[in-house]
Amino acid sequence: MTAGHTPADALAASLLPAGWLLAACGLVLAGPGLLALGGRLLTNGQPGPARLLAGRSLAGEASWSGRPLGALSAVAAATTALALTLLAGAQAALPGPLAALAALSVACCVVGTWLAVRSRVRDSHVPLGELLDRLGAPRRVRRSVTLLRAAVLTTVFVLLAAPAGALAALPPH
């Protein structure tokens, strides 16, 4: 480093922040497609009622539920990258208090958006639950649908966040 240049100046001059921004946008854009793919995979073969209901509902709501999942994955990937960098003992410049506050604010907004989407999803499933009750379907069908949906959402979330966080933690050179 030359005199007068700090590690933060070197980071700002590099293409690394642009790469991180591009990766975050990619996660947000990939979320709906991967969620719809997970829903379609559930309905492949000869699905039972629980798999069919879970897969169809995931595929149907992927367009408005996938982007917040991708944004949540981007926040988790950034957190993973920071944790891996700190655990590796690398001499990374820690963000100052203002940058940490901004990151916390972004994380809170993303989590709030995800919670709002989950509330919308829950409200959209009320008619389905009432229909299953009228048909006399056992409670375990509703539980199975919920567990299958949660498993697919968790899988997509982990598949998006873990590799992106691990790759972002690699040294830039």
Protein backbone atom coordinates (compact mmCIF):
# COMPACT_ATOMS: atom_id res chain seq x y z
CA MET A 1 0.00 0.00 0.00
CA THR A 2 1.14 3.45 -0.71
CA ALA A 3 1.27 6.19 1.85
CA GLY A 4 -2.08 7.76 2.63
CA HIS A 5 -4.15 4.79 1.47
CA THR A 6 -6.08 2.74 4.00
CA PRO A 7 -7.51 -0.76 3.54
CA ALA A 8 -10.96 0.82 3.16
CA ASP A 9 -9.69 2.96 0.28
CA ALA A 10 -8.26 -0.12 -1.40
CA LEU A 11 -11.57 -1.95 -0.97
CA ALA A 12 -13.54 0.97 -2.38
CA ALA A 13 -11.19 1.18 -5.38
CA SER A 14 -11.53 -2.53 -6.13
CA LEU A 15 -14.38 -4.23 -7.91
CA LEU A 16 -15.22 -6.29 -4.83
CA PRO A 17 -18.22 -4.20 -3.65
CA ALA A 18 -19.66 -4.28 -7.17
CA GLY A 19 -19.29 -8.06 -7.16
CA TRP A 20 -21.06 -8.32 -3.81
CA LEU A 21 -23.89 -6.12 -5.08
CA LEU A 22 -24.19 -8.22 -8.24
CA ALA A 23 -24.30 -11.42 -6.16
CA ALA A 24 -27.03 -9.97 -3.91
CA CYS A 25 -29.10 -8.98 -6.96
CA GLY A 26 -28.60 -12.48 -8.37
CA LEU A 27 -29.87 -14.03 -5.13
CA VAL A 28 -32.96 -11.82 -5.20
CA LEU A 29 -33.64 -12.68 -8.83
CA ALA A 30 -33.00 -16.42 -8.38
CA GLY A 31 -35.33 -16.80 -5.38
CA PRO A 32 -38.66 -17.02 -7.26
CA GLY A 33 -37.37 -19.48 -9.84
CA LEU A 34 -35.82 -21.77 -7.28
CA LEU A 35 -38.92 -21.69 -5.10
CA ALA A 36 -41.13 -22.53 -8.10
CA LEU A 37 -38.72 -25.32 -9.05
CA GLY A 38 -38.92 -26.73 -5.52
CA GLY A 39 -42.72 -26.67 -5.73
CA ARG A 40 -42.68 -28.41 -9.09
CA LEU A 41 -40.27 -31.06 -7.82
CA LEU A 42 -42.70 -31.82 -5.00
CA THR A 43 -45.46 -32.54 -7.52
CA ASN A 44 -43.36 -34.85 -9.73
CA GLY A 45 -44.11 -38.53 -9.93
CA GLN A 46 -47.24 -39.69 -8.19
CA PRO A 47 -47.62 -37.23 -5.33
CA GLY A 48 -49.99 -37.77 -2.48
CA PRO A 49 -52.41 -35.05 -1.40
CA ALA A 50 -49.91 -33.37 0.94
CA ARG A 51 -47.12 -33.21 -1.66
CA LEU A 52 -49.52 -32.01 -4.33
CA LEU A 53 -50.98 -29.24 -2.17
CA ALA A 54 -47.57 -28.13 -0.87
CA GLY A 55 -45.97 -28.16 -4.32
CA ARG A 56 -48.81 -26.32 -6.04
CA SER A 57 -48.99 -23.64 -3.36
CA LEU A 58 -45.22 -23.08 -3.44
CA ALA A 59 -45.16 -22.85 -7.22
CA GLY A 60 -48.14 -20.49 -7.19
CA GLU A 61 -46.77 -18.05 -4.66
CA ALA A 62 -43.14 -18.16 -5.79
CA SER A 63 -43.50 -14.95 -7.80
CA TRP A 64 -44.25 -12.81 -4.74
CA SER A 65 -42.61 -14.91 -2.04
CA GLY A 66 -39.32 -15.72 -3.78
CA ARG A 67 -37.82 -12.23 -3.93
CA PRO A 68 -37.98 -11.66 -0.16
CA LEU A 69 -36.50 -15.14 0.29
CA GLY A 70 -33.66 -14.16 -2.06
CA ALA A 71 -33.10 -10.90 -0.18
CA LEU A 72 -33.07 -12.77 3.13
CA SER A 73 -30.57 -15.17 1.58
CA ALA A 74 -28.38 -12.23 0.54
CA VAL A 75 -28.36 -10.89 4.11
CA ALA A 76 -27.58 -14.37 5.46
CA ALA A 77 -24.80 -14.77 2.88
CA ALA A 78 -23.24 -11.44 3.89
CA THR A 79 -23.44 -12.42 7.55
CA THR A 80 -21.90 -15.81 6.76
CA ALA A 81 -19.11 -14.18 4.77
CA LEU A 82 -18.31 -11.78 7.60
CA ALA A 83 -18.34 -14.59 10.16
CA LEU A 84 -16.11 -16.82 8.03
CA THR A 85 -13.69 -13.97 7.43
CA LEU A 86 -13.47 -13.18 11.14
CA LEU A 87 -13.11 -16.87 12.07
CA ALA A 88 -10.30 -17.29 9.54
CA GLY A 89 -8.43 -14.50 11.30
CA ALA A 90 -8.07 -12.46 8.15
CA GLN A 91 -7.10 -8.85 8.54
CA ALA A 92 -10.40 -7.52 7.29
CA ALA A 93 -11.31 -3.96 8.04
CA LEU A 94 -14.32 -4.08 10.33
CA PRO A 95 -17.13 -1.72 9.44
CA GLY A 96 -17.46 1.40 11.49
CA PRO A 97 -20.48 2.13 13.68
CA LEU A 98 -22.38 3.93 10.91
CA ALA A 99 -21.85 1.09 8.42
CA ALA A 100 -22.83 -1.47 11.05
CA LEU A 101 -26.00 0.50 11.81
CA ALA A 102 -26.83 0.66 8.09
CA ALA A 103 -26.28 -3.09 7.73
CA LEU A 104 -28.48 -3.76 10.75
CA SER A 105 -31.18 -1.51 9.30
CA VAL A 106 -31.09 -3.35 5.97
CA ALA A 107 -31.26 -6.70 7.75
CA CYS A 108 -34.25 -5.58 9.84
CA CYS A 109 -36.07 -4.32 6.74
CA VAL A 110 -35.47 -7.58 4.90
CA VAL A 111 -36.65 -9.66 7.86
CA GLY A 112 -39.71 -7.41 8.23
CA THR A 113 -40.55 -7.85 4.56
CA TRP A 114 -40.18 -11.61 4.88
CA LEU A 115 -42.49 -11.65 7.90
CA ALA A 116 -45.09 -9.61 6.00
CA VAL A 117 -44.93 -12.06 3.11
CA ARG A 118 -45.31 -15.00 5.49
CA SER A 119 -48.40 -13.34 6.95
CA ARG A 120 -49.84 -12.97 3.45
CA VAL A 121 -49.09 -16.62 2.73
CA ARG A 122 -50.81 -17.69 5.94
CA ASP A 123 -53.87 -15.62 5.06
CA SER A 124 -53.99 -17.09 1.55
CA HIS A 125 -54.09 -20.62 2.97
CA VAL A 126 -57.19 -20.04 5.11
CA PRO A 127 -59.64 -21.03 2.32
CA LEU A 128 -57.65 -24.21 1.64
CA GLY A 129 -57.75 -25.15 5.33
CA GLU A 130 -61.48 -24.55 5.47
CA LEU A 131 -61.97 -26.69 2.36
CA LEU A 132 -59.93 -29.53 3.85
CA ASP A 133 -61.98 -29.29 7.05
CA ARG A 134 -65.26 -29.45 5.10
CA LEU A 135 -64.03 -32.48 3.17
CA GLY A 136 -63.12 -34.20 6.42
CA ALA A 137 -59.40 -34.48 5.64
CA PRO A 138 -57.34 -35.55 8.64
CA ARG A 139 -55.31 -32.89 10.46
CA ARG A 140 -52.12 -34.70 9.54
CA VAL A 141 -52.64 -33.69 5.89
CA ARG A 142 -52.50 -30.01 6.87
CA ARG A 143 -49.46 -30.66 9.07
CA SER A 144 -47.76 -32.59 6.30
CA VAL A 145 -48.38 -29.75 3.83
CA THR A 146 -46.93 -27.25 6.30
CA LEU A 147 -43.87 -29.41 7.01
CA LEU A 148 -43.21 -30.03 3.32
CA ARG A 149 -43.47 -26.32 2.54
CA ALA A 150 -41.13 -25.49 5.41
CA ALA A 151 -38.64 -28.12 4.26
CA VAL A 152 -38.58 -26.78 0.69
CA LEU A 153 -38.30 -23.15 1.88
CA THR A 154 -35.44 -24.06 4.21
CA THR A 155 -33.66 -26.03 1.50
CA VAL A 156 -33.93 -23.21 -1.02
CA PHE A 157 -32.82 -20.67 1.60
CA VAL A 158 -29.77 -22.73 2.58
CA LEU A 159 -28.90 -23.50 -1.05
CA LEU A 160 -28.92 -19.78 -1.80
CA ALA A 161 -27.22 -18.43 1.32
CA ALA A 162 -24.52 -20.96 2.19
CA PRO A 163 -22.56 -21.09 -1.09
CA ALA A 164 -22.90 -17.35 -1.66
CA GLY A 165 -21.59 -16.63 1.84
CA ALA A 166 -18.72 -19.08 1.48
CA LEU A 167 -17.71 -17.66 -1.89
CA ALA A 168 -17.95 -14.07 -0.66
CA ALA A 169 -15.57 -14.92 2.19
CA LEU A 170 -12.81 -15.94 -0.21
CA PRO A 171 -9.96 -13.44 -0.51
CA PRO A 172 -10.37 -10.98 -3.40
CA HIS A 173 -7.03 -11.83 -5.00
